[in-house]
Structures are given as structure tokens and as C-alpha cells.
């Protein structure tokens, strides 16, 4: 299976410790099955670092059935709870027992809704109806995908193929 990582660096050997802890699935190496999504992320990152080119790293992934794999199907309550837990961790990593986590991205289209939910949660104003309303709203978000490799064992299943400079 082909997987893509968009950014401004070439990663022949991904480093699990470079990522932040307070993002969707916590610290790990993030990939996607969608080339265009990796390209958008790479271009976005390159605009932050104006002297860097946008790069999509391309990998071959050979799934190991012994790995602990968590897949969130769509925007579910379980997905939302996990995203909120990680995004509010404030550099205190959330401990997980998975080697790989896959699911939807809380990207620009989604994160505003998630941020509103987190604010309501902090103020003790979340009801079941609010949570279900948010998930209903997310049904209309553009399809996306992210795969977070959390362990060195998972990284070993990834083989660097090539990279492409994108615009």
C-alpha cells in the first residue's frame, strides 16, 4: 500500500519524536492514503517556511498483523473523545497501547467545530445533543484520512520509496 507524508523535509527514516503531542492522535509519524491531502499539507507547511520546498514523501507500507491497530470509522463519538483528549493534553502525552491509529483528520474544515465543542466542554455546557449535533455537522466535511504510526515497530513496516517536490 502507498502512503504519503507531506511537509518540507525528506524522511528516509521517520522520527516518532519530532511530532507534537497535542494533535489529533498524539505524537507519532503521520501519513495519509490520499496524495492530494499530503500535497495540500506540504504546500501549507512550505508557506510557513518560505525558503523550503513543499515535499511529499512516498512510502510502501506492508501491514504487520501483529501490530495493535485502531481504526476510527468516520466522525464518531469515540473519535471525537479521542481527538479532544489529545488536543487538550497540553504537552502531556496521552498514553495509548496502539502501534497505529487511523481515522479522519480534524483539519481546517473540522477543527473550528471541534474547538467550539472544546470551549463548551471547558465551560461545562456540553450536552448529549450538542455532541451529536457536532458529529452531525461533521458529516458534510470533505473526506480525508490520517494514519499515525506510534511505535518503532510500526515504522519498520514503512519503506521509503521516493519523494516529490510539489507546488
C-alpha atoms as a PDB file:
ATOM      1  CA  UNK A   1       0.000   0.000   0.000  1.00  0.00           C
ATOM      2  CA  UNK A   2       1.255   3.519  -0.814  1.00  0.00           C
ATOM      3  CA  UNK A   3       1.252   6.082   1.990  1.00  0.00           C
ATOM      4  CA  UNK A   4       2.163   9.764   1.797  1.00  0.00           C
ATOM      5  CA  UNK A   5       3.673  12.283   4.194  1.00  0.00           C
ATOM      6  CA  UNK A   6       3.513  15.957   3.247  1.00  0.00           C
ATOM      7  CA  UNK A   7       5.908  18.521   4.641  1.00  0.00           C
ATOM      8  CA  UNK A   8       9.143  20.373   3.963  1.00  0.00           C
ATOM      9  CA  UNK A   9      11.637  17.622   4.767  1.00  0.00           C
ATOM     10  CA  UNK A  10      12.626  14.326   3.209  1.00  0.00           C
ATOM     11  CA  UNK A  11      12.249  11.464   5.683  1.00  0.00           C
ATOM     12  CA  UNK A  12      14.077   8.331   4.572  1.00  0.00           C
ATOM     13  CA  UNK A  13      13.723   7.145   8.180  1.00  0.00           C
ATOM     14  CA  UNK A  14      10.819   8.785  10.042  1.00  0.00           C
ATOM     15  CA  UNK A  15      11.376  10.012  13.588  1.00  0.00           C
ATOM     16  CA  UNK A  16       8.497   9.434  16.008  1.00  0.00           C
ATOM     17  CA  UNK A  17       9.701  12.090  18.437  1.00  0.00           C
ATOM     18  CA  UNK A  18       9.529  15.066  16.058  1.00  0.00           C
ATOM     19  CA  UNK A  19       5.750  15.460  16.213  1.00  0.00           C
ATOM     20  CA  UNK A  20       3.718  17.399  18.753  1.00  0.00           C
ATOM     21  CA  UNK A  21       1.794  15.617  21.488  1.00  0.00           C
ATOM     22  CA  UNK A  22      -1.321  17.817  21.357  1.00  0.00           C
ATOM     23  CA  UNK A  23      -2.629  16.954  17.891  1.00  0.00           C
ATOM     24  CA  UNK A  24      -5.332  14.553  16.731  1.00  0.00           C
ATOM     25  CA  UNK A  25      -3.771  11.188  17.592  1.00  0.00           C
ATOM     26  CA  UNK A  26      -0.882  12.485  19.667  1.00  0.00           C
ATOM     27  CA  UNK A  27       2.796  12.237  18.930  1.00  0.00           C
ATOM     28  CA  UNK A  28       3.796   9.980  16.064  1.00  0.00           C
ATOM     29  CA  UNK A  29       4.578   9.952  12.358  1.00  0.00           C
ATOM     30  CA  UNK A  30       1.532  10.995  10.322  1.00  0.00           C
ATOM     31  CA  UNK A  31       0.714   9.720   6.857  1.00  0.00           C
ATOM     32  CA  UNK A  32      -2.284   9.525   4.588  1.00  0.00           C
ATOM     33  CA  UNK A  33      -3.560   7.305   1.810  1.00  0.00           C
ATOM     34  CA  UNK A  34      -4.510  10.471  -0.125  1.00  0.00           C
ATOM     35  CA  UNK A  35      -1.742  12.064  -2.223  1.00  0.00           C
ATOM     36  CA  UNK A  36      -3.689  15.336  -2.662  1.00  0.00           C
ATOM     37  CA  UNK A  37      -4.118  15.686   1.097  1.00  0.00           C
ATOM     38  CA  UNK A  38      -0.359  15.204   1.644  1.00  0.00           C
ATOM     39  CA  UNK A  39       0.297  17.725  -1.131  1.00  0.00           C
ATOM     40  CA  UNK A  40      -2.007  20.336   0.469  1.00  0.00           C
ATOM     41  CA  UNK A  41      -0.271  19.870   3.817  1.00  0.00           C
ATOM     42  CA  UNK A  42       3.193  20.144   2.205  1.00  0.00           C
ATOM     43  CA  UNK A  43       2.278  23.349   0.365  1.00  0.00           C
ATOM     44  CA  UNK A  44       0.805  24.787   3.545  1.00  0.00           C
ATOM     45  CA  UNK A  45       3.938  23.976   5.546  1.00  0.00           C
ATOM     46  CA  UNK A  46       6.176  25.474   2.852  1.00  0.00           C
ATOM     47  CA  UNK A  47       4.288  28.777   3.050  1.00  0.00           C
ATOM     48  CA  UNK A  48       5.181  28.946   6.760  1.00  0.00           C
ATOM     49  CA  UNK A  49       8.841  28.337   5.922  1.00  0.00           C
ATOM     50  CA  UNK A  50       9.261  30.457   2.789  1.00  0.00           C
ATOM     51  CA  UNK A  51      12.727  29.138   1.926  1.00  0.00           C
ATOM     52  CA  UNK A  52      11.621  25.480   1.948  1.00  0.00           C
ATOM     53  CA  UNK A  53      10.097  23.452  -0.875  1.00  0.00           C
ATOM     54  CA  UNK A  54       6.869  21.510  -0.444  1.00  0.00           C
ATOM     55  CA  UNK A  55       7.668  17.795  -0.429  1.00  0.00           C
ATOM     56  CA  UNK A  56       5.525  14.673  -0.445  1.00  0.00           C
ATOM     57  CA  UNK A  57       7.392  11.619   0.829  1.00  0.00           C
ATOM     58  CA  UNK A  58       6.075   8.391  -0.656  1.00  0.00           C
ATOM     59  CA  UNK A  59       6.303   5.098   1.213  1.00  0.00           C
ATOM     60  CA  UNK A  60       5.391   1.484   0.700  1.00  0.00           C
ATOM     61  CA  UNK A  61       3.622   0.095   3.732  1.00  0.00           C
ATOM     62  CA  UNK A  62       3.472  -3.630   4.478  1.00  0.00           C
ATOM     63  CA  UNK A  63       0.928  -4.259   7.197  1.00  0.00           C
ATOM     64  CA  UNK A  64       2.052  -6.442  10.066  1.00  0.00           C
ATOM     65  CA  UNK A  65      -0.881  -8.339  11.566  1.00  0.00           C
ATOM     66  CA  UNK A  66       0.858  -8.460  14.955  1.00  0.00           C
ATOM     67  CA  UNK A  67       0.616  -4.684  15.363  1.00  0.00           C
ATOM     68  CA  UNK A  68      -2.079  -3.188  17.558  1.00  0.00           C
ATOM     69  CA  UNK A  69      -4.213  -1.173  15.146  1.00  0.00           C
ATOM     70  CA  UNK A  70      -7.007   1.255  15.997  1.00  0.00           C
ATOM     71  CA  UNK A  71      -9.238   2.493  13.197  1.00  0.00           C
ATOM     72  CA  UNK A  72     -11.899   5.125  13.780  1.00  0.00           C
ATOM     73  CA  UNK A  73     -14.703   4.773  11.270  1.00  0.00           C
ATOM     74  CA  UNK A  74     -15.789   8.276  10.339  1.00  0.00           C
ATOM     75  CA  UNK A  75     -16.610  11.033  12.767  1.00  0.00           C
ATOM     76  CA  UNK A  76     -17.869   9.077  15.755  1.00  0.00           C
ATOM     77  CA  UNK A  77     -18.241   9.847  19.445  1.00  0.00           C
ATOM     78  CA  UNK A  78     -15.211   7.688  20.141  1.00  0.00           C
ATOM     79  CA  UNK A  79     -13.177   9.618  17.522  1.00  0.00           C
ATOM     80  CA  UNK A  80     -14.300  12.980  18.954  1.00  0.00           C
ATOM     81  CA  UNK A  81     -13.473  11.981  22.534  1.00  0.00           C
ATOM     82  CA  UNK A  82     -10.009  10.790  21.485  1.00  0.00           C
ATOM     83  CA  UNK A  83      -9.291  13.908  19.406  1.00  0.00           C
ATOM     84  CA  UNK A  84     -10.375  16.201  22.257  1.00  0.00           C
ATOM     85  CA  UNK A  85      -8.300  14.238  24.774  1.00  0.00           C
ATOM     86  CA  UNK A  86      -5.165  14.618  22.640  1.00  0.00           C
ATOM     87  CA  UNK A  87      -5.745  18.219  21.573  1.00  0.00           C
ATOM     88  CA  UNK A  88      -6.244  19.340  25.181  1.00  0.00           C
ATOM     89  CA  UNK A  89      -3.304  17.348  26.579  1.00  0.00           C
ATOM     90  CA  UNK A  90      -1.039  20.445  26.826  1.00  0.00           C
ATOM     91  CA  UNK A  91       2.174  18.513  26.130  1.00  0.00           C
ATOM     92  CA  UNK A  92       1.204  15.687  28.476  1.00  0.00           C
ATOM     93  CA  UNK A  93       1.169  12.748  26.074  1.00  0.00           C
ATOM     94  CA  UNK A  94      -1.942  10.598  26.137  1.00  0.00           C
ATOM     95  CA  UNK A  95      -0.861   7.014  26.753  1.00  0.00           C
ATOM     96  CA  UNK A  96      -2.154   4.605  24.143  1.00  0.00           C
ATOM     97  CA  UNK A  97      -1.472   0.937  23.564  1.00  0.00           C
ATOM     98  CA  UNK A  98      -1.737   1.078  19.774  1.00  0.00           C
ATOM     99  CA  UNK A  99       1.084   0.879  17.269  1.00  0.00           C
ATOM    100  CA  UNK A 100      -1.030   2.559  14.582  1.00  0.00           C
ATOM    101  CA  UNK A 101      -4.113   4.783  14.728  1.00  0.00           C
ATOM    102  CA  UNK A 102      -6.160   5.640  11.646  1.00  0.00           C
ATOM    103  CA  UNK A 103      -9.121   7.925  11.167  1.00  0.00           C
ATOM    104  CA  UNK A 104     -10.370  11.243   9.932  1.00  0.00           C
ATOM    105  CA  UNK A 105      -8.389  14.464  10.316  1.00  0.00           C
ATOM    106  CA  UNK A 106      -9.549  17.365  12.456  1.00  0.00           C
ATOM    107  CA  UNK A 107      -8.348  19.723   9.715  1.00  0.00           C
ATOM    108  CA  UNK A 108      -9.299  23.320   8.967  1.00  0.00           C
ATOM    109  CA  UNK A 109     -12.826  22.368   7.934  1.00  0.00           C
ATOM    110  CA  UNK A 110     -13.374  20.365  11.103  1.00  0.00           C
ATOM    111  CA  UNK A 111     -11.186  21.935  13.778  1.00  0.00           C
ATOM    112  CA  UNK A 112     -13.318  25.056  14.168  1.00  0.00           C
ATOM    113  CA  UNK A 113     -16.288  22.892  15.114  1.00  0.00           C
ATOM    114  CA  UNK A 114     -14.103  20.785  17.439  1.00  0.00           C
ATOM    115  CA  UNK A 115     -12.684  23.962  19.043  1.00  0.00           C
ATOM    116  CA  UNK A 116     -16.227  25.241  19.701  1.00  0.00           C
ATOM    117  CA  UNK A 117     -17.038  21.888  21.295  1.00  0.00           C
ATOM    118  CA  UNK A 118     -13.885  22.010  23.476  1.00  0.00           C
ATOM    119  CA  UNK A 119     -14.804  25.511  24.660  1.00  0.00           C
ATOM    120  CA  UNK A 120     -18.304  24.335  25.599  1.00  0.00           C
ATOM    121  CA  UNK A 121     -16.759  21.321  27.330  1.00  0.00           C
ATOM    122  CA  UNK A 122     -14.421  23.543  29.367  1.00  0.00           C
ATOM    123  CA  UNK A 123     -17.383  25.647  30.445  1.00  0.00           C
ATOM    124  CA  UNK A 124     -19.439  22.617  31.424  1.00  0.00           C
ATOM    125  CA  UNK A 125     -22.033  23.288  28.726  1.00  0.00           C
ATOM    126  CA  UNK A 126     -21.832  20.085  26.693  1.00  0.00           C
ATOM    127  CA  UNK A 127     -24.952  18.020  26.478  1.00  0.00           C
ATOM    128  CA  UNK A 128     -25.509  14.819  24.562  1.00  0.00           C
ATOM    129  CA  UNK A 129     -27.496  16.797  21.967  1.00  0.00           C
ATOM    130  CA  UNK A 130     -24.620  19.250  21.446  1.00  0.00           C
ATOM    131  CA  UNK A 131     -22.187  16.393  20.936  1.00  0.00           C
ATOM    132  CA  UNK A 132     -24.487  14.611  18.488  1.00  0.00           C
ATOM    133  CA  UNK A 133     -25.154  17.923  16.705  1.00  0.00           C
ATOM    134  CA  UNK A 134     -21.428  18.447  16.198  1.00  0.00           C
ATOM    135  CA  UNK A 135     -20.995  14.941  14.812  1.00  0.00           C
ATOM    136  CA  UNK A 136     -23.952  15.524  12.506  1.00  0.00           C
ATOM    137  CA  UNK A 137     -22.331  18.758  11.272  1.00  0.00           C
ATOM    138  CA  UNK A 138     -19.103  16.896  10.506  1.00  0.00           C
ATOM    139  CA  UNK A 139     -20.883  14.521   8.120  1.00  0.00           C
ATOM    140  CA  UNK A 140     -20.574  17.238   5.485  1.00  0.00           C
ATOM    141  CA  UNK A 141     -16.796  17.692   5.813  1.00  0.00           C
ATOM    142  CA  UNK A 142     -14.613  16.726   2.871  1.00  0.00           C
ATOM    143  CA  UNK A 143     -13.363  13.114   3.171  1.00  0.00           C
ATOM    144  CA  UNK A 144      -9.850  12.828   4.495  1.00  0.00           C
ATOM    145  CA  UNK A 145      -7.607  10.283   6.158  1.00  0.00           C
ATOM    146  CA  UNK A 146      -4.671  10.141   8.535  1.00  0.00           C
ATOM    147  CA  UNK A 147      -2.593   7.272   9.799  1.00  0.00           C
ATOM    148  CA  UNK A 148      -0.395   7.842  12.828  1.00  0.00           C
ATOM    149  CA  UNK A 149       2.465   5.446  13.418  1.00  0.00           C
ATOM    150  CA  UNK A 150       3.095   5.469  17.161  1.00  0.00           C
ATOM    151  CA  UNK A 151       5.886   2.922  17.654  1.00  0.00           C
ATOM    152  CA  UNK A 152       9.244   1.917  16.193  1.00  0.00           C
ATOM    153  CA  UNK A 153       7.702  -1.458  15.334  1.00  0.00           C
ATOM    154  CA  UNK A 154       5.111   0.291  13.157  1.00  0.00           C
ATOM    155  CA  UNK A 155       7.801   2.415  11.472  1.00  0.00           C
ATOM    156  CA  UNK A 156       9.614  -0.787  10.454  1.00  0.00           C
ATOM    157  CA  UNK A 157       6.637  -1.625   8.196  1.00  0.00           C
ATOM    158  CA  UNK A 158       7.296   1.543   6.207  1.00  0.00           C
ATOM    159  CA  UNK A 159       9.802   1.626   3.350  1.00  0.00           C
ATOM    160  CA  UNK A 160      10.788   4.919   1.774  1.00  0.00           C
ATOM    161  CA  UNK A 161      10.135   4.836  -1.978  1.00  0.00           C
ATOM    162  CA  UNK A 162      10.739   8.373  -3.235  1.00  0.00           C
ATOM    163  CA  UNK A 163       9.731  11.972  -2.757  1.00  0.00           C
ATOM    164  CA  UNK A 164       8.139  14.566  -4.998  1.00  0.00           C
ATOM    165  CA  UNK A 165       8.537  18.320  -4.869  1.00  0.00           C
ATOM    166  CA  UNK A 166       5.024  19.754  -5.247  1.00  0.00           C
ATOM    167  CA  UNK A 167       3.534  23.181  -5.867  1.00  0.00           C
END
